[in-house]
């Protein structure tokens, strides 16, 4: 395998990332209309994450996008600066190679550098390997609030809610 590059998202990454998200969710049997595969932000992830205090990183091999993850700023909660880890997906050829750990560490480091106090995320019960990864990096399972934060992804399909204090 050629060199693996982790870099910031570029506009040219929009379509490959959209395809990656849709294909990965389909692989896990997720076809819901209330999930990441139907987010309007999928049409232009670059625009969504190319804003102050938002970020998204792409994993690339031989000019092919095979993974990605990023954080979006949420409203402050109880005077804490909060971001949400979103759209963390990998092509199956990258899974099991430690790229999840590397990319998650890059995202945590960036969130700390930007001064966030808390990272939250939502995932699906079927993605147990991802939950194990998040737990290994200090994320803890929490009960999701009944009040929906308008900037949060809060999909009905995402029943698992985790947080990490920074």
Protein backbone atom coordinates (compact mmCIF):
# COMPACT_ATOMS: atom_id res chain seq x y z
CA UNK A 1 0.00 0.00 0.00
CA UNK A 2 1.27 3.46 -0.89
CA UNK A 3 1.76 6.26 1.60
CA UNK A 4 -1.33 7.23 3.55
CA UNK A 5 -1.96 10.97 3.72
CA UNK A 6 -4.19 12.73 6.24
CA UNK A 7 -5.00 16.23 5.03
CA UNK A 8 -7.63 18.92 5.36
CA UNK A 9 -10.70 18.64 3.16
CA UNK A 10 -10.66 20.29 -0.27
CA UNK A 11 -13.60 21.11 -2.54
CA UNK A 12 -12.65 18.25 -4.89
CA UNK A 13 -13.37 15.80 -2.03
CA UNK A 14 -17.13 16.45 -1.92
CA UNK A 15 -18.27 13.69 -4.27
CA UNK A 16 -15.81 11.00 -3.14
CA UNK A 17 -16.78 11.62 0.50
CA UNK A 18 -20.50 11.54 -0.29
CA UNK A 19 -20.03 8.20 -2.05
CA UNK A 20 -17.93 6.87 0.84
CA UNK A 21 -20.58 7.77 3.45
CA UNK A 22 -23.46 6.32 1.43
CA UNK A 23 -21.58 3.11 0.59
CA UNK A 24 -20.32 2.56 4.14
CA UNK A 25 -23.75 3.01 5.67
CA UNK A 26 -25.28 0.67 3.09
CA UNK A 27 -22.61 -1.89 3.96
CA UNK A 28 -23.80 -1.74 7.58
CA UNK A 29 -27.42 -2.08 6.49
CA UNK A 30 -28.36 1.55 7.12
CA UNK A 31 -30.85 2.77 4.55
CA UNK A 32 -32.85 5.15 6.77
CA UNK A 33 -33.84 8.61 5.61
CA UNK A 34 -32.88 9.89 9.05
CA UNK A 35 -29.18 9.21 8.86
CA UNK A 36 -25.93 10.69 7.54
CA UNK A 37 -26.59 9.27 4.08
CA UNK A 38 -29.36 11.84 3.51
CA UNK A 39 -27.81 14.91 5.16
CA UNK A 40 -27.94 17.93 2.90
CA UNK A 41 -24.39 18.74 4.01
CA UNK A 42 -23.19 15.69 2.05
CA UNK A 43 -23.61 17.70 -1.14
CA UNK A 44 -20.88 20.10 -0.07
CA UNK A 45 -18.91 18.93 2.95
CA UNK A 46 -16.12 21.33 2.07
CA UNK A 47 -18.41 24.35 2.52
CA UNK A 48 -19.84 22.97 5.78
CA UNK A 49 -16.46 22.31 7.38
CA UNK A 50 -14.52 25.22 5.88
CA UNK A 51 -15.82 27.62 8.52
CA UNK A 52 -14.27 29.10 11.63
CA UNK A 53 -13.67 26.41 14.27
CA UNK A 54 -15.03 23.61 12.05
CA UNK A 55 -12.65 21.12 10.46
CA UNK A 56 -12.61 17.94 8.43
CA UNK A 57 -9.72 15.66 7.55
CA UNK A 58 -9.50 13.28 4.61
CA UNK A 59 -7.51 10.05 4.44
CA UNK A 60 -6.04 9.62 0.98
CA UNK A 61 -4.01 6.93 -0.74
CA UNK A 62 -2.80 7.36 -4.33
CA UNK A 63 -5.08 10.37 -4.79
CA UNK A 64 -8.10 8.30 -3.73
CA UNK A 65 -10.23 9.40 -0.76
CA UNK A 66 -10.70 6.37 1.50
CA UNK A 67 -11.71 7.93 4.80
CA UNK A 68 -12.55 11.06 6.68
CA UNK A 69 -13.78 12.68 9.88
CA UNK A 70 -14.31 16.14 11.25
CA UNK A 71 -15.89 18.30 13.91
CA UNK A 72 -18.49 21.00 13.75
CA UNK A 73 -19.01 23.66 16.40
CA UNK A 74 -22.16 23.38 18.50
CA UNK A 75 -23.75 25.94 20.76
CA UNK A 76 -22.06 26.36 24.12
CA UNK A 77 -23.62 24.14 26.77
CA UNK A 78 -23.32 25.31 30.38
CA UNK A 79 -20.43 27.62 29.41
CA UNK A 80 -18.55 24.75 27.73
CA UNK A 81 -17.29 25.01 24.17
CA UNK A 82 -18.67 21.91 22.45
CA UNK A 83 -18.01 20.32 19.07
CA UNK A 84 -19.44 17.22 17.46
CA UNK A 85 -17.39 14.55 15.73
CA UNK A 86 -19.17 13.80 12.48
CA UNK A 87 -18.90 11.81 9.28
CA UNK A 88 -16.15 9.43 10.43
CA UNK A 89 -16.15 6.75 7.75
CA UNK A 90 -13.57 4.48 6.19
CA UNK A 91 -13.47 2.35 3.08
CA UNK A 92 -13.19 -1.33 4.02
CA UNK A 93 -9.64 -1.53 2.64
CA UNK A 94 -8.50 0.90 5.38
CA UNK A 95 -10.28 -0.77 8.28
CA UNK A 96 -8.10 -2.72 10.69
CA UNK A 97 -4.95 -0.78 9.80
CA UNK A 98 -5.05 1.67 12.72
CA UNK A 99 -6.28 4.59 10.63
CA UNK A 100 -9.31 5.10 12.86
CA UNK A 101 -7.04 5.68 15.83
CA UNK A 102 -4.78 8.03 13.87
CA UNK A 103 -7.61 10.10 12.42
CA UNK A 104 -9.50 10.28 15.70
CA UNK A 105 -6.32 11.45 17.44
CA UNK A 106 -5.86 14.16 14.79
CA UNK A 107 -9.43 15.34 15.36
CA UNK A 108 -9.08 15.34 19.16
CA UNK A 109 -5.80 17.26 18.92
CA UNK A 110 -7.35 19.85 16.60
CA UNK A 111 -10.38 20.28 18.89
CA UNK A 112 -8.07 20.82 21.87
CA UNK A 113 -6.00 23.33 19.89
CA UNK A 114 -9.18 25.25 19.02
CA UNK A 115 -10.09 25.42 22.71
CA UNK A 116 -13.07 23.08 22.83
CA UNK A 117 -13.97 21.63 26.23
CA UNK A 118 -16.06 18.70 25.05
CA UNK A 119 -16.46 16.52 21.95
CA UNK A 120 -19.69 14.64 21.45
CA UNK A 121 -20.68 12.11 18.84
CA UNK A 122 -23.56 9.94 17.78
CA UNK A 123 -23.35 6.52 16.19
CA UNK A 124 -25.45 3.45 15.59
CA UNK A 125 -25.57 0.29 17.70
CA UNK A 126 -24.39 -1.78 14.70
CA UNK A 127 -21.10 0.14 14.65
CA UNK A 128 -19.65 -1.57 17.74
CA UNK A 129 -16.08 -1.47 16.44
CA UNK A 130 -16.34 2.32 16.16
CA UNK A 131 -17.74 2.50 19.70
CA UNK A 132 -14.77 0.48 20.96
CA UNK A 133 -12.43 2.90 19.19
CA UNK A 134 -14.16 5.92 20.74
CA UNK A 135 -14.03 4.31 24.20
CA UNK A 136 -10.30 3.63 23.78
CA UNK A 137 -9.80 7.36 23.28
CA UNK A 138 -11.73 8.39 26.38
CA UNK A 139 -15.26 8.81 25.05
CA UNK A 140 -17.98 7.72 27.47
CA UNK A 141 -21.53 6.60 26.75
CA UNK A 142 -24.18 9.11 27.84
CA UNK A 143 -27.94 9.34 27.61
CA UNK A 144 -28.93 11.64 24.78
CA UNK A 145 -30.87 14.74 25.79
CA UNK A 146 -34.48 14.88 24.67
CA UNK A 147 -34.00 18.47 23.52
CA UNK A 148 -32.46 18.56 20.08
CA UNK A 149 -29.62 20.99 19.45
CA UNK A 150 -30.39 22.49 16.03
CA UNK A 151 -26.77 22.19 14.89
CA UNK A 152 -26.39 18.62 16.14
CA UNK A 153 -26.84 15.81 13.68
CA UNK A 154 -29.19 14.04 16.16
CA UNK A 155 -30.43 11.47 13.69
CA UNK A 156 -33.16 9.11 14.78
CA UNK A 157 -31.01 6.17 13.65
CA UNK A 158 -28.13 7.23 15.90
CA UNK A 159 -29.13 5.82 19.26
CA UNK A 160 -25.63 5.79 20.77
CA UNK A 161 -24.39 9.07 22.26
CA UNK A 162 -20.82 9.48 23.54
CA UNK A 163 -18.81 12.41 24.95
CA UNK A 164 -15.19 13.17 25.76
CA UNK A 165 -13.97 15.91 28.07
CA UNK A 166 -10.92 17.70 26.70
